[in-house]
Amino acid sequence: MNHRQLSTTLPETDRTRHRRLREQGSLDRAELNAILDAGFMCHFGVVVNGHPMVVPTVYGSDGQNLYFHGSVASRSLVASPDATVCVTVTHVDGLVLARSAFEHGVNYRSAMVYGIPRLVTGPEEKLEGLRCLTENATPGQWDYARQPNRKELAATALLAISLEEASIKIRTGGPDDGDGPDAALGIWAGVLPLVSTWGEPEADPLLPGGIAPPAHISSRSGTRLG
């Protein structure tokens, strides 16, 4: 398992250099970790048999590695074991509605992680990676549910990619045309926030009566995602 201490500042590489809207970019690793901690779904870009694929999948992070399910990607590793991939995580926080369509935008937080993934085969790291996935989505669930047995572990493809090389962009605030010529148009402008919240737990229809959702699940009802 990779426990090498990563720097607090992300390295600026040719892949991660912000060439456009540089003011929205960041090299702060703490902001990268905050973006990853706020979600649990990523998109994994990989080339399989010469064709690009972008696969949505769940992920978890331990601050040094990003773990994610990768049955499709693991097949590509056999043919191209040294291929660099890209994993993205994006949170949309609102629509930025300006006075002109040209100035419209989106408030968002995004991260792009680059690297060569490796197939996790060691039982100890595999369990830890799956724990990261589970806890990233539902804190407290790993210890509550039955953990994977040896057969289930063998049937699970888990990939890890180092968080060494990543690119961050964050956009906040309102439209940028409030002091321009369009300000005289009398058109409403501002931000339409987008907030995702957890609903009430819905029991499995086959669940016997008398089994209530545990506190770590029921307490999330009405709380904000991310």
C-alpha atoms as a PDB file:
ATOM      1  CA  MET A   1       0.000   0.000   0.000  1.00  0.00           C
ATOM      2  CA  ASN A   2       1.336   3.454  -0.893  1.00  0.00           C
ATOM      3  CA  HIS A   3       1.827   5.493   2.291  1.00  0.00           C
ATOM      4  CA  ARG A   4       4.318   8.013   0.860  1.00  0.00           C
ATOM      5  CA  GLN A   5       3.591  11.462   2.245  1.00  0.00           C
ATOM      6  CA  LEU A   6       2.237  13.785  -0.441  1.00  0.00           C
ATOM      7  CA  SER A   7       3.040  17.478  -0.521  1.00  0.00           C
ATOM      8  CA  THR A   8       0.430  20.007   0.610  1.00  0.00           C
ATOM      9  CA  THR A   9       0.751  21.734  -2.767  1.00  0.00           C
ATOM     10  CA  LEU A  10      -0.142  19.881  -5.955  1.00  0.00           C
ATOM     11  CA  PRO A  11       2.637  19.807  -8.577  1.00  0.00           C
ATOM     12  CA  GLU A  12       1.909  21.777 -11.740  1.00  0.00           C
ATOM     13  CA  THR A  13       2.465  19.497 -14.731  1.00  0.00           C
ATOM     14  CA  ASP A  14       1.752  19.908 -18.424  1.00  0.00           C
ATOM     15  CA  ARG A  15      -1.513  17.999 -17.903  1.00  0.00           C
ATOM     16  CA  THR A  16      -2.646  19.935 -14.842  1.00  0.00           C
ATOM     17  CA  ARG A  17      -1.540  23.462 -15.791  1.00  0.00           C
ATOM     18  CA  HIS A  18      -4.502  25.840 -15.945  1.00  0.00           C
ATOM     19  CA  ARG A  19      -4.389  27.508 -19.336  1.00  0.00           C
ATOM     20  CA  ARG A  20      -7.875  29.047 -19.263  1.00  0.00           C
ATOM     21  CA  LEU A  21      -9.686  30.761 -16.375  1.00  0.00           C
ATOM     22  CA  ARG A  22      -6.563  30.423 -14.278  1.00  0.00           C
ATOM     23  CA  GLU A  23      -8.205  32.342 -11.430  1.00  0.00           C
ATOM     24  CA  GLN A  24     -10.513  29.364 -10.882  1.00  0.00           C
ATOM     25  CA  GLY A  25      -7.619  26.943 -10.552  1.00  0.00           C
ATOM     26  CA  SER A  26      -5.994  25.801  -7.338  1.00  0.00           C
ATOM     27  CA  LEU A  27      -2.917  23.835  -6.292  1.00  0.00           C
ATOM     28  CA  ASP A  28      -4.090  23.340  -2.705  1.00  0.00           C
ATOM     29  CA  ARG A  29      -4.233  19.646  -1.831  1.00  0.00           C
ATOM     30  CA  ALA A  30      -6.673  20.400   0.985  1.00  0.00           C
ATOM     31  CA  GLU A  31      -9.170  21.641  -1.616  1.00  0.00           C
ATOM     32  CA  LEU A  32      -8.644  18.448  -3.630  1.00  0.00           C
ATOM     33  CA  ASN A  33      -9.402  16.349  -0.552  1.00  0.00           C
ATOM     34  CA  ALA A  34     -12.509  18.449   0.201  1.00  0.00           C
ATOM     35  CA  ILE A  35     -13.855  17.881  -3.327  1.00  0.00           C
ATOM     36  CA  LEU A  36     -13.244  14.135  -3.087  1.00  0.00           C
ATOM     37  CA  ASP A  37     -14.772  13.914   0.406  1.00  0.00           C
ATOM     38  CA  ALA A  38     -17.926  15.711  -0.779  1.00  0.00           C
ATOM     39  CA  GLY A  39     -18.927  12.979  -3.252  1.00  0.00           C
ATOM     40  CA  PHE A  40     -18.764   9.287  -4.037  1.00  0.00           C
ATOM     41  CA  MET A  41     -19.280   9.051  -7.824  1.00  0.00           C
ATOM     42  CA  CYS A  42     -16.500   9.617 -10.328  1.00  0.00           C
ATOM     43  CA  HIS A  43     -16.023   9.191 -14.074  1.00  0.00           C
ATOM     44  CA  PHE A  44     -13.106   7.067 -15.162  1.00  0.00           C
ATOM     45  CA  GLY A  45     -11.708   7.760 -18.634  1.00  0.00           C
ATOM     46  CA  VAL A  46      -9.811   4.873 -20.203  1.00  0.00           C
ATOM     47  CA  VAL A  47      -8.997   3.475 -23.645  1.00  0.00           C
ATOM     48  CA  VAL A  48     -10.201  -0.107 -24.146  1.00  0.00           C
ATOM     49  CA  ASN A  49      -9.272  -1.949 -27.347  1.00  0.00           C
ATOM     50  CA  GLY A  50      -8.413   1.343 -29.015  1.00  0.00           C
ATOM     51  CA  HIS A  51     -11.711   3.020 -28.120  1.00  0.00           C
ATOM     52  CA  PRO A  52     -12.244   5.654 -25.410  1.00  0.00           C
ATOM     53  CA  MET A  53     -14.657   4.853 -22.601  1.00  0.00           C
ATOM     54  CA  VAL A  54     -15.830   7.039 -19.718  1.00  0.00           C
ATOM     55  CA  VAL A  55     -17.252   4.870 -16.960  1.00  0.00           C
ATOM     56  CA  PRO A  56     -19.201   6.162 -13.935  1.00  0.00           C
ATOM     57  CA  THR A  57     -18.283   4.333 -10.754  1.00  0.00           C
ATOM     58  CA  VAL A  58     -18.057   4.806  -6.984  1.00  0.00           C
ATOM     59  CA  TYR A  59     -14.809   5.824  -5.365  1.00  0.00           C
ATOM     60  CA  GLY A  60     -13.154   6.347  -2.015  1.00  0.00           C
ATOM     61  CA  SER A  61     -10.021   8.188  -0.953  1.00  0.00           C
ATOM     62  CA  ASP A  62      -7.530   7.752   1.868  1.00  0.00           C
ATOM     63  CA  GLY A  63      -5.842  11.068   1.070  1.00  0.00           C
ATOM     64  CA  GLN A  64      -3.046   9.403  -0.895  1.00  0.00           C
ATOM     65  CA  ASN A  65      -4.835   6.992  -3.222  1.00  0.00           C
ATOM     66  CA  LEU A  66      -8.160   7.044  -5.008  1.00  0.00           C
ATOM     67  CA  TYR A  67      -9.830   3.618  -4.966  1.00  0.00           C
ATOM     68  CA  PHE A  68     -12.609   2.725  -7.385  1.00  0.00           C
ATOM     69  CA  HIS A  69     -14.349  -0.239  -8.956  1.00  0.00           C
ATOM     70  CA  GLY A  70     -12.851  -0.984 -12.342  1.00  0.00           C
ATOM     71  CA  SER A  71     -13.926  -4.191 -14.057  1.00  0.00           C
ATOM     72  CA  VAL A  72     -13.817  -2.492 -17.471  1.00  0.00           C
ATOM     73  CA  ALA A  73     -10.584  -0.671 -16.713  1.00  0.00           C
ATOM     74  CA  SER A  74      -8.888  -3.743 -15.286  1.00  0.00           C
ATOM     75  CA  ARG A  75      -9.268  -5.463 -18.678  1.00  0.00           C
ATOM     76  CA  SER A  76      -7.465  -2.561 -20.320  1.00  0.00           C
ATOM     77  CA  LEU A  77      -4.606  -2.847 -17.832  1.00  0.00           C
ATOM     78  CA  VAL A  78      -3.798  -6.297 -19.154  1.00  0.00           C
ATOM     79  CA  ALA A  79      -3.276  -4.952 -22.684  1.00  0.00           C
ATOM     80  CA  SER A  80      -1.803  -1.562 -21.678  1.00  0.00           C
ATOM     81  CA  PRO A  81      -0.358  -1.814 -18.172  1.00  0.00           C
ATOM     82  CA  ASP A  82       1.434   1.555 -18.420  1.00  0.00           C
ATOM     83  CA  ALA A  83      -1.462   3.601 -19.832  1.00  0.00           C
ATOM     84  CA  THR A  84      -2.279   6.882 -18.093  1.00  0.00           C
ATOM     85  CA  VAL A  85      -5.947   7.425 -17.259  1.00  0.00           C
ATOM     86  CA  CYS A  86      -8.024  10.343 -16.009  1.00  0.00           C
ATOM     87  CA  VAL A  87     -10.571  10.239 -13.179  1.00  0.00           C
ATOM     88  CA  THR A  88     -12.919  13.201 -12.717  1.00  0.00           C
ATOM     89  CA  VAL A  89     -15.209  14.305  -9.878  1.00  0.00           C
ATOM     90  CA  THR A  90     -17.573  17.266 -10.327  1.00  0.00           C
ATOM     91  CA  HIS A  91     -20.082  18.971  -8.030  1.00  0.00           C
ATOM     92  CA  VAL A  92     -22.527  21.483  -9.544  1.00  0.00           C
ATOM     93  CA  ASP A  93     -23.477  24.214  -7.045  1.00  0.00           C
ATOM     94  CA  GLY A  94     -25.662  26.427  -9.212  1.00  0.00           C
ATOM     95  CA  LEU A  95     -26.421  28.131 -12.505  1.00  0.00           C
ATOM     96  CA  VAL A  96     -24.942  31.579 -13.052  1.00  0.00           C
ATOM     97  CA  LEU A  97     -27.590  33.480 -15.013  1.00  0.00           C
ATOM     98  CA  ALA A  98     -26.283  36.694 -16.524  1.00  0.00           C
ATOM     99  CA  ARG A  99     -27.898  39.480 -18.522  1.00  0.00           C
ATOM    100  CA  SER A 100     -26.617  37.989 -21.759  1.00  0.00           C
ATOM    101  CA  ALA A 101     -26.477  34.335 -22.772  1.00  0.00           C
ATOM    102  CA  PHE A 102     -22.771  34.726 -23.538  1.00  0.00           C
ATOM    103  CA  GLU A 103     -21.992  35.444 -19.868  1.00  0.00           C
ATOM    104  CA  HIS A 104     -23.967  32.511 -18.430  1.00  0.00           C
ATOM    105  CA  GLY A 105     -21.986  29.987 -16.439  1.00  0.00           C
ATOM    106  CA  VAL A 106     -21.969  27.366 -13.698  1.00  0.00           C
ATOM    107  CA  ASN A 107     -20.733  27.421 -10.125  1.00  0.00           C
ATOM    108  CA  TYR A 108     -18.917  24.158  -9.569  1.00  0.00           C
ATOM    109  CA  ARG A 109     -16.090  22.278  -7.845  1.00  0.00           C
ATOM    110  CA  SER A 110     -14.128  19.813  -9.949  1.00  0.00           C
ATOM    111  CA  ALA A 111     -11.045  17.641  -9.774  1.00  0.00           C
ATOM    112  CA  MET A 112      -9.200  15.696 -12.451  1.00  0.00           C
ATOM    113  CA  VAL A 113      -6.747  13.034 -11.288  1.00  0.00           C
ATOM    114  CA  TYR A 114      -4.132  11.669 -13.692  1.00  0.00           C
ATOM    115  CA  GLY A 115      -2.019   8.570 -13.265  1.00  0.00           C
ATOM    116  CA  ILE A 116      -1.345   4.945 -14.056  1.00  0.00           C
ATOM    117  CA  PRO A 117      -3.836   2.793 -12.138  1.00  0.00           C
ATOM    118  CA  ARG A 118      -2.868  -0.451 -10.519  1.00  0.00           C
ATOM    119  CA  LEU A 119      -5.017  -3.454  -9.790  1.00  0.00           C
ATOM    120  CA  VAL A 120      -5.245  -3.979  -6.040  1.00  0.00           C
ATOM    121  CA  THR A 121      -4.600  -7.641  -5.251  1.00  0.00           C
ATOM    122  CA  GLY A 122      -3.384  -7.715  -1.642  1.00  0.00           C
ATOM    123  CA  PRO A 123      -6.239  -8.780   0.677  1.00  0.00           C
ATOM    124  CA  GLU A 124      -5.390  -6.167   3.324  1.00  0.00           C
ATOM    125  CA  GLU A 125      -5.297  -3.224   0.920  1.00  0.00           C
ATOM    126  CA  LYS A 126      -8.323  -4.528  -0.956  1.00  0.00           C
ATOM    127  CA  LEU A 127     -10.363  -4.527   2.235  1.00  0.00           C
ATOM    128  CA  GLU A 128      -9.096  -1.067   3.125  1.00  0.00           C
ATOM    129  CA  GLY A 129      -9.926   0.238  -0.362  1.00  0.00           C
ATOM    130  CA  LEU A 130     -13.441  -1.181  -0.216  1.00  0.00           C
ATOM    131  CA  ARG A 131     -13.855   0.315   3.233  1.00  0.00           C
ATOM    132  CA  CYS A 132     -12.892   3.707   1.766  1.00  0.00           C
ATOM    133  CA  LEU A 133     -15.521   3.303  -0.969  1.00  0.00           C
ATOM    134  CA  THR A 134     -18.233   2.332   1.503  1.00  0.00           C
ATOM    135  CA  GLU A 135     -17.430   4.990   4.095  1.00  0.00           C
ATOM    136  CA  ASN A 136     -17.108   7.723   1.482  1.00  0.00           C
ATOM    137  CA  ALA A 137     -20.695   7.055   0.412  1.00  0.00           C
ATOM    138  CA  THR A 138     -22.226   6.151   3.789  1.00  0.00           C
ATOM    139  CA  PRO A 139     -20.111   6.783   6.895  1.00  0.00           C
ATOM    140  CA  GLY A 140     -20.696   4.044   9.462  1.00  0.00           C
ATOM    141  CA  GLN A 141     -21.925   1.433   6.962  1.00  0.00           C
ATOM    142  CA  TRP A 142     -18.718  -0.614   6.787  1.00  0.00           C
ATOM    143  CA  ASP A 143     -18.956  -1.718  10.413  1.00  0.00           C
ATOM    144  CA  TYR A 144     -22.741  -2.112  10.257  1.00  0.00           C
ATOM    145  CA  ALA A 145     -23.053  -4.367   7.186  1.00  0.00           C
ATOM    146  CA  ARG A 146     -21.472  -7.775   6.624  1.00  0.00           C
ATOM    147  CA  GLN A 147     -18.017  -7.318   5.165  1.00  0.00           C
ATOM    148  CA  PRO A 148     -16.872  -9.133   1.999  1.00  0.00           C
ATOM    149  CA  ASN A 149     -15.824 -12.749   2.256  1.00  0.00           C
ATOM    150  CA  ARG A 150     -12.898 -14.283   0.353  1.00  0.00           C
ATOM    151  CA  LYS A 151     -15.053 -15.300  -2.618  1.00  0.00           C
ATOM    152  CA  GLU A 152     -16.549 -11.827  -2.930  1.00  0.00           C
ATOM    153  CA  LEU A 153     -13.128 -10.206  -2.656  1.00  0.00           C
ATOM    154  CA  ALA A 154     -11.811 -12.430  -5.435  1.00  0.00           C
ATOM    155  CA  ALA A 155     -14.735 -11.430  -7.676  1.00  0.00           C
ATOM    156  CA  THR A 156     -14.228  -7.687  -7.095  1.00  0.00           C
ATOM    157  CA  ALA A 157     -11.968  -5.632  -9.349  1.00  0.00           C
ATOM    158  CA  LEU A 158     -10.533  -2.734  -7.352  1.00  0.00           C
ATOM    159  CA  LEU A 159      -8.195  -0.142  -8.828  1.00  0.00           C
ATOM    160  CA  ALA A 160      -6.011   2.438  -7.115  1.00  0.00           C
ATOM    161  CA  ILE A 161      -4.517   5.601  -8.540  1.00  0.00           C
ATOM    162  CA  SER A 162      -2.148   7.936  -6.719  1.00  0.00           C
ATOM    163  CA  LEU A 163      -3.396  11.436  -5.864  1.00  0.00           C
ATOM    164  CA  GLU A 164       0.015  12.856  -6.707  1.00  0.00           C
ATOM    165  CA  GLU A 165      -1.063  14.536  -9.973  1.00  0.00           C
ATOM    166  CA  ALA A 166      -4.377  16.358 -10.041  1.00  0.00           C
ATOM    167  CA  SER A 167      -6.024  19.503 -11.353  1.00  0.00           C
ATOM    168  CA  ILE A 168      -8.621  21.521  -9.421  1.00  0.00           C
ATOM    169  CA  LYS A 169     -11.041  24.187 -10.577  1.00  0.00           C
ATOM    170  CA  ILE A 170     -13.652  25.973  -8.490  1.00  0.00           C
ATOM    171  CA  ARG A 171     -16.114  28.639  -9.627  1.00  0.00           C
ATOM    172  CA  THR A 172     -18.166  30.674  -7.120  1.00  0.00           C
ATOM    173  CA  GLY A 173     -20.080  33.929  -7.139  1.00  0.00           C
ATOM    174  CA  GLY A 174     -22.456  35.720  -9.464  1.00  0.00           C
ATOM    175  CA  PRO A 175     -22.326  36.813 -13.106  1.00  0.00           C
ATOM    176  CA  ASP A 176     -19.519  39.031 -14.371  1.00  0.00           C
ATOM    177  CA  ASP A 177     -21.552  41.536 -16.398  1.00  0.00           C
ATOM    178  CA  GLY A 178     -22.937  43.701 -13.606  1.00  0.00           C
ATOM    179  CA  ASP A 179     -20.683  46.607 -14.457  1.00  0.00           C
ATOM    180  CA  GLY A 180     -20.904  46.318 -18.252  1.00  0.00           C
ATOM    181  CA  PRO A 181     -23.228  47.757 -20.911  1.00  0.00           C
ATOM    182  CA  ASP A 182     -25.806  44.992 -20.383  1.00  0.00           C
ATOM    183  CA  ALA A 183     -26.440  46.238 -16.829  1.00  0.00           C
ATOM    184  CA  ALA A 184     -28.804  48.846 -18.326  1.00  0.00           C
ATOM    185  CA  LEU A 185     -31.071  46.227 -19.927  1.00  0.00           C
ATOM    186  CA  GLY A 186     -33.232  45.719 -16.842  1.00  0.00           C
ATOM    187  CA  ILE A 187     -32.799  41.927 -17.016  1.00  0.00           C
ATOM    188  CA  TRP A 188     -32.647  39.849 -13.826  1.00  0.00           C
ATOM    189  CA  ALA A 189     -29.264  38.305 -13.189  1.00  0.00           C
ATOM    190  CA  GLY A 190     -27.926  36.163 -10.370  1.00  0.00           C
ATOM    191  CA  VAL A 191     -27.371  32.590  -9.242  1.00  0.00           C
ATOM    192  CA  LEU A 192     -29.870  29.726  -9.142  1.00  0.00           C
ATOM    193  CA  PRO A 193     -28.363  27.433  -6.495  1.00  0.00           C
ATOM    194  CA  LEU A 194     -28.502  23.662  -6.859  1.00  0.00           C
ATOM    195  CA  VAL A 195     -28.652  21.729  -3.584  1.00  0.00           C
ATOM    196  CA  SER A 196     -28.981  17.942  -3.305  1.00  0.00           C
ATOM    197  CA  THR A 197     -30.382  16.545  -0.068  1.00  0.00           C
ATOM    198  CA  TRP A 198     -30.907  13.019   1.208  1.00  0.00           C
ATOM    199  CA  GLY A 199     -34.502  11.807   1.508  1.00  0.00           C
ATOM    200  CA  GLU A 200     -36.147   9.441   3.968  1.00  0.00           C
ATOM    201  CA  PRO A 201     -34.772   5.871   3.950  1.00  0.00           C
ATOM    202  CA  GLU A 202     -36.941   3.447   1.951  1.00  0.00           C
ATOM    203  CA  ALA A 203     -36.930  -0.072   3.365  1.00  0.00           C
ATOM    204  CA  ASP A 204     -36.443  -3.135   1.187  1.00  0.00           C
ATOM    205  CA  PRO A 205     -39.949  -4.623   0.612  1.00  0.00           C
ATOM    206  CA  LEU A 206     -38.556  -8.002   1.744  1.00  0.00           C
ATOM    207  CA  LEU A 207     -37.209  -6.585   5.024  1.00  0.00           C
ATOM    208  CA  PRO A 208     -38.933  -8.167   8.053  1.00  0.00           C
ATOM    209  CA  GLY A 209     -40.874  -5.833  10.295  1.00  0.00           C
ATOM    210  CA  GLY A 210     -39.211  -4.306  13.286  1.00  0.00           C
ATOM    211  CA  ILE A 211     -35.853  -3.558  11.632  1.00  0.00           C
ATOM    212  CA  ALA A 212     -35.377   0.195  11.639  1.00  0.00           C
ATOM    213  CA  PRO A 213     -32.632   2.004   9.733  1.00  0.00           C
ATOM    214  CA  PRO A 214     -29.551   2.580  11.891  1.00  0.00           C
ATOM    215  CA  ALA A 215     -28.754   6.075  13.116  1.00  0.00           C
ATOM    216  CA  HIS A 216     -25.914   6.593  10.642  1.00  0.00           C
ATOM    217  CA  ILE A 217     -28.467   6.244   7.813  1.00  0.00           C
ATOM    218  CA  SER A 218     -31.618   7.838   9.263  1.00  0.00           C
ATOM    219  CA  SER A 219     -29.713  10.863  10.553  1.00  0.00           C
ATOM    220  CA  ARG A 220     -28.740  11.834   6.983  1.00  0.00           C
ATOM    221  CA  SER A 221     -32.354  12.488   5.948  1.00  0.00           C
ATOM    222  CA  GLY A 222     -32.722  16.136   5.041  1.00  0.00           C
ATOM    223  CA  THR A 223     -28.991  16.787   5.131  1.00  0.00           C
ATOM    224  CA  ARG A 224     -27.081  18.178   2.201  1.00  0.00           C
ATOM    225  CA  LEU A 225     -24.948  16.032  -0.102  1.00  0.00           C
ATOM    226  CA  GLY A 226     -21.422  17.330  -0.256  1.00  0.00           C
END
